[in-house]
Each structure stands twice: as structure tokens, then as C-alpha cells.
């Protein structure tokens, strides 16, 4: 099969012909229909997330089943499927309690095994993780459900328990930020988007953001406190950096909640958190990572019933040969929206 392979930190991805993946007894092999290019892939490429090399990156995908293991009961060849980027075992105490994202033996395509920047991908624990790809959901959009949309949904509905009428401040207008914006508006919230890139802020405004704040030109915390008359109810940190985590906390009002969605990596694994603000404002701080597979039905139902238009998320469809350029683009503010690999022959 054709794949984009990472051989060294910050090296260009090498387009190679490699062996097709073996089908796990409890899993399937899918022909990858689309694969998103995510900031988390940049963490792998840039060395911020320690992984064994060589590796095929990629963790946001949808595909068509081309082989099913002997122990798989729910899926057959020809089924079109999506999966969260955390593949849980489905049997341990964490999985049994519904917390699949904390499974101790989780498999992470693109991190601890080969990922979706390839024509084919092996997906273990298929019965516990796969969900049928709805006919009305185009593969490029479905790929975004593997990480950014699912992570945003779990952060809003599980970790933060967002309520209609509340104000959400999003720090970072990339794929996660836009996903939070679209879902939060559908849930009836007022939404503020903070970024330092004028194009991203303009794009967010066009998607319904009630307020956009350019943090390179003004004090975002002061603007948010003034606009909300006391601070946001919820803040979503979407980049994993102290430059956004600290103001995300300070932008909250009394009894506010913050969800750390951005992955702190490299030099950002330890941050100088303003604990006086956490204490004085009596804040709640949550971490989140991905979404358990059992929440797919609620997400898909919400997208359909609330008529959430996800099409603005995908702004660029690219060939596999362009994956390296798309990953490296996260060194600087990337263009608005998400890049998705749809051509695995080019």
C-alpha cells in the first residue's frame, strides 16, 4: 500500500510503498476514504510527543471495511465506518464504566501504531469502537469526527456540561475551536473566539461567533470580562500552550469551568497556572482527551436534529503527497479550517 512515513523528527514524510496491514482477530482492516491532518500529528512530527519511529502518522479517519477478523461480530466487508482516535479494549474496568478514553491498553493509530496517512489501516477492538458512517455524511467531514468534532462534543457535553444561555470563550480558532463553536451554538450558547490570526477570527465570525477577540492587539481577558459583565461561564483551551491556558482561566467568572482540550507537549507539559484565580473565583478545571465510542449516537443525532452544518470545517482537500506540507504548516498559524487527505494515489 501507499503511505506517508515519518522516519525522523521534523523530517519530510516519505511517500513509500509498504506492506498492507494484517487484520487483527478482533479487528478489521479499512480502506481509508479520508484522513484529517491534525495539530496532534504536528506534535508527533515535531518531536513533542515521544513515539517510536518509523511511523505512519494520522488518527482522524473514516473507511470501508475490506477484511474482518474471526472474532468480529458487528462488521462485515463493505461496511463504511468511523472510529474515535482512542481505540479502547472494551473489557477493562475503565471501559466497563464508560470511560473508554482512560483504557489502560488503548491503541492510538498514528501514535503507538501506524495510522491513517495510508491507503489501508488496521483497527483493533472493532466491535467496541467502530460506528457506522451515515450515508449523508461525506467522508471528508466524517474524518473530522475522529478527533476534533468528537473531542469538542465530549468536552462540552460531558466534562463541562454546557447549558443553553451560557457563554463559552474559545482560545484557539483552529479545528477544535471551530468544532466547539459550531456545537456550542447548536446547544444554545453565546460564543467568543480568541486568536491572534485575523483570517481565523473572520472565519469564526462568519460561522456565528458572537464576539471575536484578537489577542495580539488587545487584552482578551479584559475584553471578555467587560463583554460578559463578569467573565465567561466556560472556557475551552484548544492549543495546549501557557499563552492560551492562562488567559482561558483568567477569562472565567465566578464558579466558571475550563476544559483543557489542547494537548500540552514538549516545553508546555508544565505551565505556571494562576492558582490564585482558581482559588479566588472558585473555578473548576477539567482535562479531556478524545471521546468514548458509545457517545457517537448522541453526537450524530445532535448533528442531524439540530441541523449542524459541519461543511465549513473542511476547507482543504489534499493528496497524500501533500501531507508533509500540511503537517509542517502548524509551525505557524495555519489557514482557517481543516485539511483532509482524500486522494491516496496522488
Protein backbone atom coordinates (compact mmCIF):
# COMPACT_ATOMS: atom_id res chain seq x y z
CA UNK A 1 0.00 0.00 0.00
CA UNK A 2 0.99 3.63 -0.39
CA UNK A 3 1.74 5.51 2.84
CA UNK A 4 3.37 8.65 4.21
CA UNK A 5 6.09 7.54 6.65
CA UNK A 6 7.88 9.58 9.32
CA UNK A 7 11.49 8.45 9.80
CA UNK A 8 12.83 11.28 11.96
CA UNK A 9 11.73 14.32 13.92
CA UNK A 10 10.91 17.22 11.60
CA UNK A 11 11.88 15.21 8.53
CA UNK A 12 9.59 15.35 5.49
CA UNK A 13 7.15 12.46 5.37
CA UNK A 14 8.37 9.88 2.88
CA UNK A 15 5.81 8.56 0.38
CA UNK A 16 6.53 4.84 0.20
CA UNK A 17 5.07 1.51 -0.77
CA UNK A 18 4.82 -0.57 2.41
CA UNK A 19 3.20 -3.86 3.34
CA UNK A 20 -0.57 -3.89 3.81
CA UNK A 21 -1.55 -4.22 7.49
CA UNK A 22 -2.50 -7.60 8.91
CA UNK A 23 -6.08 -7.97 10.12
CA UNK A 24 -6.33 -8.39 13.92
CA UNK A 25 -8.52 -11.30 15.08
CA UNK A 26 -10.68 -8.81 16.99
CA UNK A 27 -10.41 -6.05 14.41
CA UNK A 28 -10.79 -5.01 10.81
CA UNK A 29 -8.76 -3.53 8.02
CA UNK A 30 -10.31 -0.49 6.36
CA UNK A 31 -9.56 1.20 3.09
CA UNK A 32 -9.08 4.77 4.22
CA UNK A 33 -11.56 7.06 2.49
CA UNK A 34 -10.38 10.28 4.14
CA UNK A 35 -7.87 11.27 6.81
CA UNK A 36 -7.71 14.59 8.60
CA UNK A 37 -4.41 16.37 9.24
CA UNK A 38 -4.47 17.45 12.87
CA UNK A 39 -2.31 19.56 15.16
CA UNK A 40 -1.69 16.37 17.16
CA UNK A 41 0.03 14.96 14.05
CA UNK A 42 2.28 18.01 14.21
CA UNK A 43 3.13 17.14 17.82
CA UNK A 44 4.33 13.73 16.61
CA UNK A 45 6.22 15.16 13.62
CA UNK A 46 7.91 17.90 15.67
CA UNK A 47 9.00 15.59 18.49
CA UNK A 48 6.66 16.97 21.14
CA UNK A 49 5.07 13.56 21.64
CA UNK A 50 7.56 10.73 22.10
CA UNK A 51 6.87 7.87 19.66
CA UNK A 52 8.82 5.02 18.11
CA UNK A 53 9.99 5.59 14.53
CA UNK A 54 9.46 4.88 11.70
CA UNK A 55 5.73 5.52 11.94
CA UNK A 56 2.80 6.28 9.67
CA UNK A 57 1.01 9.28 11.27
CA UNK A 58 -2.71 10.02 11.14
CA UNK A 59 -5.55 9.40 13.57
CA UNK A 60 -8.68 11.07 12.09
CA UNK A 61 -10.24 8.81 9.50
CA UNK A 62 -13.19 7.03 8.03
CA UNK A 63 -13.02 3.96 5.85
CA UNK A 64 -14.57 0.95 4.19
CA UNK A 65 -14.02 -2.47 5.74
CA UNK A 66 -12.01 -4.74 3.42
CA UNK A 67 -11.24 -7.50 5.93
CA UNK A 68 -12.74 -8.58 9.26
CA UNK A 69 -11.13 -10.77 11.92
CA UNK A 70 -12.59 -14.09 13.02
CA UNK A 71 -13.71 -12.67 16.37
CA UNK A 72 -15.52 -9.63 14.92
CA UNK A 73 -19.31 -9.89 15.07
CA UNK A 74 -20.71 -6.45 14.22
CA UNK A 75 -18.87 -5.59 10.99
CA UNK A 76 -18.57 -7.08 7.53
CA UNK A 77 -16.62 -6.37 4.36
CA UNK A 78 -18.16 -3.38 2.61
CA UNK A 79 -19.32 -1.57 5.76
CA UNK A 80 -18.37 2.11 5.91
CA UNK A 81 -17.21 3.08 9.38
CA UNK A 82 -15.79 5.80 11.61
CA UNK A 83 -13.88 5.44 14.86
CA UNK A 84 -12.55 7.63 17.68
CA UNK A 85 -8.80 8.09 17.73
CA UNK A 86 -8.57 6.24 21.07
CA UNK A 87 -9.29 2.56 20.40
CA UNK A 88 -10.24 1.04 23.76
CA UNK A 89 -10.21 -2.65 24.65
CA UNK A 90 -13.90 -2.65 25.64
CA UNK A 91 -13.37 -5.07 28.53
CA UNK A 92 -11.31 -3.45 31.31
CA UNK A 93 -12.88 -1.67 34.33
CA UNK A 94 -12.45 1.75 32.67
CA UNK A 95 -14.25 0.59 29.54
CA UNK A 96 -16.96 -1.17 31.55
CA UNK A 97 -17.66 2.09 33.40
CA UNK A 98 -17.97 4.02 30.13
CA UNK A 99 -14.61 5.76 30.39
CA UNK A 100 -13.03 4.26 27.27
CA UNK A 101 -10.69 7.21 26.85
CA UNK A 102 -8.85 6.09 30.00
CA UNK A 103 -8.42 2.45 28.90
CA UNK A 104 -5.02 1.26 30.11
CA UNK A 105 -4.32 -0.75 26.94
CA UNK A 106 -5.69 1.73 24.41
CA UNK A 107 -4.41 1.67 20.85
CA UNK A 108 -3.68 5.04 19.22
CA UNK A 109 -3.24 4.99 15.44
CA UNK A 110 -0.61 7.49 14.45
CA UNK A 111 0.93 7.43 17.93
CA UNK A 112 1.65 3.92 19.22
CA UNK A 113 0.90 2.12 15.94
CA UNK A 114 0.72 3.01 12.27
CA UNK A 115 -2.01 5.49 11.40
CA UNK A 116 -4.25 6.72 8.62
CA UNK A 117 -1.85 8.53 6.29
CA UNK A 118 -2.06 5.37 4.20
CA UNK A 119 -4.35 3.51 1.84
CA UNK A 120 -5.24 0.90 4.47
CA UNK A 121 -5.43 0.86 8.27
CA UNK A 122 -5.81 -1.95 10.80
CA UNK A 123 -8.38 -1.14 13.51
CA UNK A 124 -8.28 -3.44 16.56
CA UNK A 125 -11.17 -3.94 19.00
CA UNK A 126 -13.58 -3.23 16.17
CA UNK A 127 -16.80 -4.22 17.96
CA UNK A 128 -16.04 -1.85 20.84
CA UNK A 129 -15.00 1.14 18.76
CA UNK A 130 -16.44 1.35 15.28
CA UNK A 131 -19.62 3.21 14.33
CA UNK A 132 -21.43 3.05 11.01
CA UNK A 133 -20.71 6.03 8.75
CA UNK A 134 -24.07 7.70 7.99
CA UNK A 135 -24.85 7.84 4.27
CA UNK A 136 -25.49 11.58 4.44
CA UNK A 137 -22.06 12.34 5.95
CA UNK A 138 -19.39 12.89 3.29
CA UNK A 139 -16.07 11.10 4.03
CA UNK A 140 -14.02 14.32 4.35
CA UNK A 141 -16.40 15.57 7.06
CA UNK A 142 -16.55 12.15 8.68
CA UNK A 143 -12.77 12.19 9.06
CA UNK A 144 -13.08 15.28 11.26
CA UNK A 145 -15.31 13.28 13.61
CA UNK A 146 -12.39 11.08 14.61
CA UNK A 147 -10.70 13.74 16.73
CA UNK A 148 -11.76 17.35 16.55
CA UNK A 149 -15.56 17.16 16.49
CA UNK A 150 -15.74 14.22 18.89
CA UNK A 151 -13.29 15.82 21.31
CA UNK A 152 -15.28 19.06 21.22
CA UNK A 153 -18.57 17.21 21.82
CA UNK A 154 -17.19 15.31 24.82
CA UNK A 155 -15.67 18.48 26.28
CA UNK A 156 -18.94 20.40 26.01
CA UNK A 157 -21.47 17.74 27.00
CA UNK A 158 -19.58 15.54 29.42
CA UNK A 159 -16.70 17.41 31.02
CA UNK A 160 -18.24 20.91 31.08
CA UNK A 161 -21.98 20.09 30.93
CA UNK A 162 -22.69 23.22 28.88
CA UNK A 163 -26.16 24.71 29.34
CA UNK A 164 -28.16 26.84 26.92
CA UNK A 165 -27.68 30.55 27.56
CA UNK A 166 -24.15 30.21 28.93
CA UNK A 167 -21.15 31.97 27.42
CA UNK A 168 -18.24 29.96 26.07
CA UNK A 169 -14.82 31.53 25.42
CA UNK A 170 -12.73 29.51 22.97
CA UNK A 171 -8.98 30.12 22.99
CA UNK A 172 -7.70 28.97 19.61
CA UNK A 173 -9.65 29.17 16.36
CA UNK A 174 -8.30 26.05 14.65
CA UNK A 175 -10.13 22.79 14.01
CA UNK A 176 -11.01 22.18 17.66
CA UNK A 177 -12.06 25.79 18.15
CA UNK A 178 -14.33 25.79 15.10
CA UNK A 179 -15.85 22.45 16.16
CA UNK A 180 -16.59 23.83 19.63
CA UNK A 181 -18.07 26.97 18.04
CA UNK A 182 -20.49 25.06 15.80
CA UNK A 183 -21.58 22.62 18.51
CA UNK A 184 -21.87 25.23 21.26
CA UNK A 185 -24.03 27.46 19.08
CA UNK A 186 -26.25 24.47 18.39
CA UNK A 187 -26.55 23.90 22.13
CA UNK A 188 -27.76 27.46 22.62
CA UNK A 189 -24.63 29.12 23.99
CA UNK A 190 -23.09 32.51 23.27
CA UNK A 191 -19.61 32.01 21.85
CA UNK A 192 -16.44 34.09 21.99
CA UNK A 193 -13.43 33.09 19.87
CA UNK A 194 -9.94 34.33 20.77
CA UNK A 195 -7.00 34.01 18.40
CA UNK A 196 -4.08 36.04 17.02
CA UNK A 197 -4.82 35.30 13.36
CA UNK A 198 -7.16 37.76 11.64
CA UNK A 199 -8.25 35.24 8.99
CA UNK A 200 -9.30 32.69 11.60
CA UNK A 201 -11.22 35.30 13.55
CA UNK A 202 -13.00 36.48 10.42
CA UNK A 203 -13.86 32.88 9.56
CA UNK A 204 -15.20 32.24 13.07
CA UNK A 205 -17.31 35.39 12.88
CA UNK A 206 -18.82 34.14 9.66
CA UNK A 207 -19.74 30.86 11.36
CA UNK A 208 -21.73 32.61 14.07
CA UNK A 209 -19.26 33.64 16.76
CA UNK A 210 -20.93 36.35 18.88
CA UNK A 211 -17.60 38.01 19.61
CA UNK A 212 -14.10 37.60 18.24
CA UNK A 213 -11.01 38.91 20.01
CA UNK A 214 -7.57 39.42 18.51
CA UNK A 215 -5.26 38.68 21.43
CA UNK A 216 -2.30 40.16 19.57
CA UNK A 217 -3.93 43.60 19.66
CA UNK A 218 -5.85 43.72 22.92
CA UNK A 219 -6.12 42.14 26.36
CA UNK A 220 -8.55 39.29 25.69
CA UNK A 221 -9.27 38.74 29.38
CA UNK A 222 -10.36 42.33 29.94
CA UNK A 223 -12.50 42.32 26.80
CA UNK A 224 -14.25 39.11 27.84
CA UNK A 225 -14.91 40.29 31.39
CA UNK A 226 -16.35 43.55 30.07
CA UNK A 227 -18.49 41.91 27.38
CA UNK A 228 -19.90 39.27 29.77
CA UNK A 229 -20.17 41.59 32.78
CA UNK A 230 -18.05 39.37 34.98
CA UNK A 231 -16.45 36.59 32.96
CA UNK A 232 -17.33 33.59 30.81
CA UNK A 233 -19.17 30.57 32.20
CA UNK A 234 -16.93 28.17 30.31
CA UNK A 235 -13.60 28.44 28.56
CA UNK A 236 -12.16 25.93 26.12
CA UNK A 237 -8.38 25.91 25.67
CA UNK A 238 -7.65 24.46 22.23
CA UNK A 239 -3.88 24.82 21.73
CA UNK A 240 -2.09 23.39 24.77
CA UNK A 241 0.12 26.41 25.49
CA UNK A 242 0.51 28.67 28.53
CA UNK A 243 -0.18 31.70 26.30
CA UNK A 244 -3.74 30.42 25.94
CA UNK A 245 -4.25 28.29 29.06
CA UNK A 246 -3.54 31.14 31.49
CA UNK A 247 -5.94 33.66 29.89
CA UNK A 248 -8.53 30.89 29.47
CA UNK A 249 -8.56 30.58 33.26
CA UNK A 250 -8.46 34.33 33.91
CA UNK A 251 -11.35 34.95 31.49
CA UNK A 252 -13.77 32.95 33.65
CA UNK A 253 -16.31 34.42 36.01
CA UNK A 254 -17.05 33.10 39.48
CA UNK A 255 -17.67 29.32 39.56
CA UNK A 256 -16.58 29.11 35.93
CA UNK A 257 -15.32 25.93 34.27
CA UNK A 258 -12.35 25.45 31.99
CA UNK A 259 -11.66 22.42 29.81
CA UNK A 260 -8.09 21.80 28.71
CA UNK A 261 -8.59 20.36 25.23
CA UNK A 262 -5.28 21.37 23.62
CA UNK A 263 -2.54 18.80 24.20
CA UNK A 264 0.34 20.17 26.30
CA UNK A 265 3.52 18.69 24.85
CA UNK A 266 7.25 19.38 24.72
CA UNK A 267 8.10 22.56 26.63
CA UNK A 268 4.43 23.03 27.56
CA UNK A 269 3.91 19.93 29.69
CA UNK A 270 4.39 22.09 32.81
CA UNK A 271 2.70 25.50 32.96
CA UNK A 272 2.62 28.32 35.55
CA UNK A 273 -1.08 28.09 36.39
CA UNK A 274 -2.54 31.12 38.30
CA UNK A 275 -3.86 29.15 41.27
CA UNK A 276 -4.93 32.36 42.99
CA UNK A 277 -7.52 32.78 40.23
CA UNK A 278 -8.64 29.16 40.54
CA UNK A 279 -8.98 29.66 44.29
CA UNK A 280 -10.48 33.15 44.32
CA UNK A 281 -13.02 32.57 41.54
CA UNK A 282 -13.72 29.00 42.76
CA UNK A 283 -13.10 27.58 39.33
CA UNK A 284 -13.36 24.02 38.06
CA UNK A 285 -10.64 22.79 35.71
CA UNK A 286 -11.14 19.68 33.59
CA UNK A 287 -8.87 17.74 31.32
CA UNK A 288 -10.27 15.89 28.35
CA UNK A 289 -8.88 13.66 25.64
CA UNK A 290 -10.97 12.27 22.83
CA UNK A 291 -14.44 10.76 23.20
CA UNK A 292 -15.64 7.28 24.11
CA UNK A 293 -17.13 5.44 21.16
CA UNK A 294 -20.50 4.94 22.87
CA UNK A 295 -21.15 8.70 22.53
CA UNK A 296 -21.22 8.61 18.73
CA UNK A 297 -25.02 8.08 18.56
CA UNK A 298 -25.70 11.19 20.66
CA UNK A 299 -23.31 13.26 18.56
CA UNK A 300 -24.66 12.05 15.22
CA UNK A 301 -28.25 12.52 16.42
CA UNK A 302 -27.48 16.06 17.57
CA UNK A 303 -25.82 16.96 14.27
CA UNK A 304 -28.92 15.76 12.43
CA UNK A 305 -31.67 17.11 14.68
CA UNK A 306 -30.01 20.46 15.38
CA UNK A 307 -29.08 20.77 11.69
CA UNK A 308 -25.42 21.45 12.46
CA UNK A 309 -23.62 22.25 9.21
CA UNK A 310 -20.11 20.86 9.53
CA UNK A 311 -19.10 21.58 5.95
CA UNK A 312 -17.22 24.80 6.85
CA UNK A 313 -14.77 22.73 8.89
CA UNK A 314 -13.11 21.21 5.84
CA UNK A 315 -11.53 23.98 3.80
CA UNK A 316 -8.81 22.00 2.01
CA UNK A 317 -8.77 18.52 0.45
CA UNK A 318 -5.30 17.30 -0.42
CA UNK A 319 -3.37 14.36 -1.81
CA UNK A 320 -1.26 12.02 0.31
CA UNK A 321 1.86 13.57 -1.23
CA UNK A 322 0.86 16.91 0.35
CA UNK A 323 0.55 15.50 3.89
CA UNK A 324 4.05 16.54 4.90
CA UNK A 325 3.42 20.15 3.89
CA UNK A 326 0.07 20.17 5.69
CA UNK A 327 1.62 18.88 8.93
CA UNK A 328 4.52 21.33 8.84
CA UNK A 329 2.04 24.20 8.33
CA UNK A 330 1.25 24.01 12.07
CA UNK A 331 4.66 25.59 12.74
CA UNK A 332 2.84 28.86 12.06
CA UNK A 333 -0.82 29.88 12.24
CA UNK A 334 -2.42 27.53 9.72
CA UNK A 335 -5.18 28.72 7.38
CA UNK A 336 -8.75 28.56 8.71
CA UNK A 337 -10.41 25.15 8.72
CA UNK A 338 -9.14 21.61 8.35
CA UNK A 339 -7.02 19.90 5.69
CA UNK A 340 -8.20 16.40 4.80
CA UNK A 341 -6.42 13.80 2.69
CA UNK A 342 -8.88 12.42 0.14
CA UNK A 343 -6.52 11.33 -2.67
CA UNK A 344 -4.24 8.46 -1.65
CA UNK A 345 -2.86 7.92 -5.15
CA UNK A 346 -1.63 11.49 -5.65
